[in-house]
Amino acid sequence: MHGPDPNDPYPMAGQARVGFLKPLVDHPQIEIGDYSYYDDPAGPERFVEACVGHLYPDLGDRLVIGRFCAIGSGVRFVMNGANHAMTGLSTYPFNIFGNGWERGFDVATIVAGVRGDMVVGNDVWIGEWATVLPGVSIGDGAIVGSLAVVSRDVESYTVVAGNPAREVRRRFDQETVERLRAVAWWNWSAEKITRNLDLIRGGDVEALETAR
């Protein structure tokens, strides 16, 4: 036995609220790594509908989530399509209502506010009802507290909380963070992860570095 099948959308027997996202999500602008899961009492298959807002093909931005991420109920990923033009006197989106109001609209006024892809690293835990704003990157091993509003990048192995989300603490010193990211256990095969679970769950970085 080498852990659950990453292609099984419902890997926990009797727990239909927890689902691996990679086999559940089929969207050209969303990329999700193996074993990352979403927990929702209404069902994880609702992830895109419930959690990903304003992801429009015309803007071309992407939501990229790494491997082994844990995403709590009600998390919101707000994509660049939520932006309104801010280059003029009003932010009201007259153009979307048509009937003559679309005339003279310059799409460049929207593109000017696009902040790029949203990227969530590996082994990231995002607590319930947290909100991640457009263009934010969350580093490997980070923790985002429940109800946090993340408006800026989060460094690897950092705990953030609040509105706006601020650093609460670093999980490890910088040298340890660099060593953990170099090990990148999340990229190991399922067999190697299974052999070394005690080390991954433990606190000895040196032992993890020498894992076979």
Protein backbone atom coordinates (compact mmCIF):
# COMPACT_ATOMS: atom_id res chain seq x y z
CA MET A 1 0.00 0.00 0.00
CA HIS A 2 1.36 3.36 -1.01
CA GLY A 3 -1.35 5.78 0.03
CA PRO A 4 -4.57 6.78 -1.71
CA ASP A 5 -5.02 6.89 -5.46
CA PRO A 6 -4.50 10.54 -6.48
CA ASN A 7 -7.00 10.00 -9.31
CA ASP A 8 -9.77 8.95 -6.92
CA PRO A 9 -12.02 12.01 -6.52
CA TYR A 10 -13.37 10.73 -3.18
CA PRO A 11 -10.41 9.11 -1.39
CA MET A 12 -11.97 8.87 2.11
CA ALA A 13 -14.55 6.13 2.53
CA GLY A 14 -17.76 7.57 3.92
CA GLN A 15 -16.56 11.18 3.59
CA ALA A 16 -18.00 12.52 0.35
CA ARG A 17 -17.28 16.07 1.51
CA VAL A 18 -13.53 15.59 0.95
CA GLY A 19 -12.23 15.27 -2.58
CA PHE A 20 -8.98 15.29 -4.48
CA LEU A 21 -9.29 18.24 -6.83
CA LYS A 22 -7.17 17.11 -9.76
CA PRO A 23 -9.68 14.48 -10.95
CA LEU A 24 -12.65 16.72 -10.12
CA VAL A 25 -11.61 19.93 -11.87
CA ASP A 26 -11.53 20.20 -15.64
CA HIS A 27 -10.88 23.82 -16.54
CA PRO A 28 -8.37 25.15 -19.06
CA GLN A 29 -7.23 27.93 -16.70
CA ILE A 30 -6.88 25.83 -13.55
CA GLU A 31 -3.97 23.49 -12.79
CA ILE A 32 -3.99 21.39 -9.61
CA GLY A 33 -1.40 18.91 -8.38
CA ASP A 34 -1.87 15.41 -7.02
CA TYR A 35 -3.35 14.89 -3.55
CA SER A 36 -4.51 18.49 -3.08
CA TYR A 37 -8.00 18.35 -1.59
CA TYR A 38 -11.01 20.52 -0.90
CA ASP A 39 -13.31 19.92 2.08
CA ASP A 40 -16.90 21.13 1.67
CA PRO A 41 -20.05 19.69 3.28
CA ALA A 42 -21.90 20.51 0.04
CA GLY A 43 -19.41 18.47 -1.96
CA PRO A 44 -15.88 19.08 -3.32
CA GLU A 45 -17.10 18.82 -6.90
CA ARG A 46 -18.41 22.38 -6.41
CA PHE A 47 -14.88 23.73 -6.07
CA VAL A 48 -14.77 25.88 -9.20
CA GLU A 49 -18.30 27.18 -8.75
CA ALA A 50 -17.94 27.82 -5.03
CA CYS A 51 -14.32 28.89 -4.71
CA VAL A 52 -13.00 30.39 -7.95
CA GLY A 53 -14.51 33.72 -8.89
CA HIS A 54 -14.18 35.85 -12.02
CA LEU A 55 -11.93 33.53 -14.03
CA TYR A 56 -12.59 34.68 -17.58
CA PRO A 57 -10.94 33.33 -20.75
CA ASP A 58 -10.45 36.79 -22.25
CA LEU A 59 -7.94 37.72 -19.53
CA GLY A 60 -6.10 34.41 -19.70
CA ASP A 61 -4.98 34.33 -16.06
CA ARG A 62 -4.62 30.97 -14.33
CA LEU A 63 -5.08 29.45 -10.91
CA VAL A 64 -2.19 27.06 -10.18
CA ILE A 65 -2.27 24.90 -7.04
CA GLY A 66 0.58 22.57 -6.16
CA ARG A 67 0.60 19.11 -4.62
CA PHE A 68 -0.55 18.09 -1.12
CA CYS A 69 -2.53 21.28 -0.43
CA ALA A 70 -5.42 21.33 2.07
CA ILE A 71 -8.20 23.80 1.25
CA GLY A 72 -10.97 24.42 3.76
CA SER A 73 -14.64 25.07 3.15
CA GLY A 74 -15.58 28.43 1.72
CA VAL A 75 -12.12 29.49 0.56
CA ARG A 76 -12.35 32.08 -2.23
CA PHE A 77 -9.82 32.58 -4.99
CA VAL A 78 -10.67 35.95 -6.53
CA MET A 79 -9.24 36.13 -10.04
CA ASN A 80 -8.33 39.14 -12.17
CA GLY A 81 -11.75 39.32 -13.81
CA ALA A 82 -13.07 40.85 -10.60
CA ASN A 83 -11.13 44.04 -11.33
CA HIS A 84 -12.87 47.18 -12.54
CA ALA A 85 -11.18 49.84 -14.62
CA MET A 86 -9.48 52.37 -12.34
CA THR A 87 -7.86 54.64 -14.92
CA GLY A 88 -10.79 57.04 -15.17
CA LEU A 89 -13.08 58.99 -12.87
CA SER A 90 -15.55 56.12 -12.33
CA THR A 91 -15.01 52.41 -11.69
CA TYR A 92 -18.54 51.48 -12.82
CA PRO A 93 -18.48 48.81 -15.59
CA PHE A 94 -20.83 50.58 -18.03
CA ASN A 95 -19.69 48.45 -20.97
CA ILE A 96 -20.96 45.12 -19.64
CA PHE A 97 -24.56 46.31 -19.84
CA GLY A 98 -24.43 47.16 -23.56
CA ASN A 99 -27.26 49.11 -25.15
CA GLY A 100 -24.85 51.76 -26.28
CA TRP A 101 -22.78 51.83 -23.09
CA GLU A 102 -20.19 49.53 -24.64
CA ARG A 103 -19.19 52.18 -27.19
CA GLY A 104 -15.80 53.71 -26.56
CA PHE A 105 -14.81 51.11 -23.96
CA ASP A 106 -11.09 50.40 -24.02
CA VAL A 107 -10.20 46.91 -22.74
CA ALA A 108 -6.73 48.25 -21.91
CA THR A 109 -8.29 49.98 -18.90
CA ILE A 110 -9.07 46.54 -17.46
CA VAL A 111 -5.82 44.91 -18.55
CA ALA A 112 -3.93 47.66 -16.75
CA GLY A 113 -5.11 46.17 -13.45
CA VAL A 114 -4.35 42.52 -14.20
CA ARG A 115 -1.86 41.12 -11.71
CA GLY A 116 -1.06 37.80 -13.39
CA ASP A 117 -1.59 34.20 -12.34
CA MET A 118 -2.51 33.13 -8.83
CA VAL A 119 -0.05 30.48 -7.65
CA VAL A 120 -0.38 28.30 -4.55
CA GLY A 121 2.70 26.23 -3.76
CA ASN A 122 2.96 22.71 -2.38
CA ASP A 123 1.97 21.51 1.10
CA VAL A 124 -0.08 24.69 1.70
CA TRP A 125 -2.95 24.75 4.21
CA ILE A 126 -5.65 27.36 3.60
CA GLY A 127 -8.19 27.65 6.41
CA GLU A 128 -11.95 27.98 6.05
CA TRP A 129 -13.39 31.11 4.45
CA ALA A 130 -10.02 32.64 3.64
CA THR A 131 -9.93 34.89 0.58
CA VAL A 132 -6.98 35.15 -1.81
CA LEU A 133 -6.93 38.22 -4.05
CA PRO A 134 -5.79 38.41 -7.70
CA GLY A 135 -2.19 37.74 -8.62
CA VAL A 136 -1.12 36.54 -5.17
CA SER A 137 1.49 33.78 -4.78
CA ILE A 138 1.55 31.58 -1.69
CA GLY A 139 4.81 29.77 -1.06
CA ASP A 140 5.44 26.11 -0.24
CA GLY A 141 4.52 25.03 3.27
CA ALA A 142 2.61 28.21 4.10
CA ILE A 143 -0.45 28.35 6.34
CA VAL A 144 -3.30 30.81 5.74
CA GLY A 145 -5.56 31.29 8.74
CA SER A 146 -9.35 31.02 8.57
CA LEU A 147 -11.10 34.21 7.39
CA ALA A 148 -7.79 35.77 6.30
CA VAL A 149 -7.81 38.12 3.32
CA VAL A 150 -4.56 37.60 1.43
CA SER A 151 -3.72 40.65 -0.66
CA ARG A 152 0.03 40.16 -1.06
CA ASP A 153 2.45 37.30 -1.61
CA VAL A 154 3.06 34.87 1.25
CA GLU A 155 6.56 33.51 1.71
CA SER A 156 7.23 29.80 2.02
CA TYR A 157 6.62 28.25 5.45
CA THR A 158 5.03 31.44 6.77
CA VAL A 159 1.82 31.59 8.83
CA VAL A 160 -0.48 34.50 7.96
CA ALA A 161 -3.82 35.58 9.41
CA GLY A 162 -6.15 38.56 9.58
CA ASN A 163 -7.59 41.16 7.22
CA PRO A 164 -5.41 42.11 5.54
CA ALA A 165 -3.39 38.96 6.16
CA ARG A 166 -0.17 39.62 8.02
CA GLU A 167 2.69 37.39 9.05
CA VAL A 168 2.07 35.74 12.41
CA ARG A 169 5.27 33.74 12.50
CA ARG A 170 7.75 31.75 10.45
CA ARG A 171 7.40 28.02 10.80
CA PHE A 172 11.16 27.52 10.45
CA ASP A 173 14.31 29.61 10.11
CA GLN A 174 15.37 30.59 6.59
CA GLU A 175 18.10 27.97 6.33
CA THR A 176 15.61 25.21 7.20
CA VAL A 177 13.10 26.59 4.70
CA GLU A 178 15.71 26.48 1.94
CA ARG A 179 16.65 22.92 2.85
CA LEU A 180 13.01 21.80 2.88
CA ARG A 181 12.34 23.37 -0.50
CA ALA A 182 15.46 21.68 -1.87
CA VAL A 183 14.26 18.30 -0.58
CA ALA A 184 10.81 18.96 -2.12
CA TRP A 185 9.36 15.76 -0.68
CA TRP A 186 6.04 16.52 -2.41
CA ASN A 187 7.68 15.57 -5.70
CA TRP A 188 8.74 12.15 -4.46
CA SER A 189 7.02 9.02 -5.68
CA ALA A 190 4.16 7.65 -3.61
CA GLU A 191 6.38 4.69 -2.67
CA LYS A 192 9.16 6.94 -1.35
CA ILE A 193 6.69 9.11 0.55
CA THR A 194 5.20 6.01 2.14
CA ARG A 195 8.64 4.77 3.22
CA ASN A 196 9.48 8.12 4.78
CA LEU A 197 6.21 9.28 6.33
CA ASP A 198 7.70 9.36 9.82
CA LEU A 199 10.43 11.71 8.59
CA ILE A 200 8.01 13.96 6.70
CA ARG A 201 5.81 14.20 9.78
CA GLY A 202 8.79 14.58 12.08
CA GLY A 203 11.17 17.45 12.74
CA ASP A 204 14.58 16.20 11.60
CA VAL A 205 15.45 17.95 8.34
CA GLU A 206 18.84 16.23 8.08
CA ALA A 207 17.20 12.81 8.23
CA LEU A 208 14.73 13.87 5.55
CA GLU A 209 17.60 15.01 3.36
CA THR A 210 19.17 11.55 3.53
CA ALA A 211 15.91 9.64 3.00
CA ARG A 212 16.01 6.72 0.58
